[in-house]
Protein backbone atom coordinates (compact mmCIF):
# COMPACT_ATOMS: atom_id res chain seq x y z
CA MET A 1 -49.83 3.02 92.26
CA LEU A 2 -50.29 5.49 90.11
CA THR A 3 -47.64 8.03 88.83
CA CYS A 4 -48.66 11.63 88.71
CA PHE A 5 -48.36 15.56 88.02
CA ALA A 6 -49.36 17.10 91.20
CA VAL A 7 -50.08 20.57 90.26
CA SER A 8 -50.10 23.52 92.59
CA HIS A 9 -52.44 25.79 92.06
CA THR A 10 -51.11 29.68 92.75
CA ASP A 11 -54.61 31.20 93.70
CA ASP A 12 -57.52 30.00 95.59
CA ASP A 13 -60.13 32.26 93.43
CA GLN A 14 -62.30 29.88 92.16
CA LEU A 15 -62.27 31.66 88.81
CA VAL A 16 -58.98 31.19 88.32
CA GLN A 17 -58.52 27.66 89.21
CA SER A 18 -61.42 26.76 86.58
CA ALA A 19 -59.32 28.83 84.26
CA GLU A 20 -56.40 26.29 85.34
CA HIS A 21 -58.59 23.27 85.13
CA GLU A 22 -59.30 23.84 81.34
CA ILE A 23 -55.77 24.48 80.41
CA LEU A 24 -54.95 21.78 82.51
CA GLN A 25 -58.39 19.17 80.72
CA ALA A 26 -56.58 20.26 77.28
CA ILE A 27 -53.30 19.03 78.23
CA ALA A 28 -54.89 15.65 79.67
CA ASP A 29 -56.51 15.19 76.30
CA GLU A 30 -53.62 15.79 74.24
CA ALA A 31 -51.73 13.09 75.51
CA GLU A 32 -54.83 11.05 76.23
CA VAL A 33 -54.54 10.60 80.24
CA SER A 34 -56.60 10.95 83.26
CA PHE A 35 -56.84 14.25 84.83
CA GLU A 36 -58.80 14.66 87.96
CA PRO A 37 -58.90 18.99 88.97
CA GLY A 38 -58.56 19.89 92.83
CA PHE A 39 -59.77 22.68 94.40
CA ALA A 40 -57.79 21.97 97.58
CA GLY A 41 -54.68 23.56 95.95
CA LYS A 42 -53.56 20.92 93.89
CA SER A 43 -54.79 18.86 90.56
CA TYR A 44 -53.20 15.86 89.20
CA LEU A 45 -52.79 14.74 85.73
CA ASP A 46 -51.28 10.74 85.16
CA VAL A 47 -48.26 10.71 83.50
CA PRO A 48 -47.79 8.59 80.43
CA THR A 49 -46.09 5.59 79.63
CA ASN A 50 -44.27 7.09 76.79
CA ALA A 51 -41.40 9.43 76.98
CA ASP A 52 -42.09 11.93 74.37
CA ALA A 53 -45.63 12.37 75.52
CA ARG A 54 -44.04 12.78 78.63
CA GLU A 55 -41.58 15.62 77.81
CA ALA A 56 -44.31 17.03 75.99
CA MET A 57 -46.94 17.74 78.93
CA THR A 58 -44.34 18.78 81.23
CA ALA A 59 -43.04 21.98 78.14
CA ARG A 60 -47.03 22.96 77.89
CA LEU A 61 -46.86 22.83 81.67
CA GLU A 62 -43.54 24.91 82.09
CA GLN A 63 -45.30 26.86 78.69
CA ASN A 64 -48.34 27.56 81.17
CA ASP A 65 -46.19 28.92 84.46
CA MET A 66 -48.15 25.95 86.43
CA SER A 67 -45.98 24.56 89.53
CA PHE A 68 -45.77 20.89 89.28
CA SER A 69 -44.25 17.94 90.83
CA VAL A 70 -44.04 14.02 90.30
CA VAL A 71 -46.08 11.78 92.63
CA THR A 72 -46.66 8.25 93.02
CA ARG A 73 -50.43 7.86 94.62
CA ILE A 74 -52.14 5.28 95.66
CA ALA A 75 -54.99 3.91 93.50
CA TYR A 76 -57.93 3.10 95.39
């Protein structure tokens, strides 16, 4: 099982989602976690195990006005 940030995309426009994906990829790179882009309304970022990194990711998502929740996914 994986704990992830599920980030909701606010717009169905693929250009807007691509821009959001670039931001999310930068956040994932900073935290050294995996990023799974999605075009069906949600993208996923692994939640770091380090508490400081997790708080930094949360702050970056909030700074970019991204709606997100923490979810548990089954790895397969």
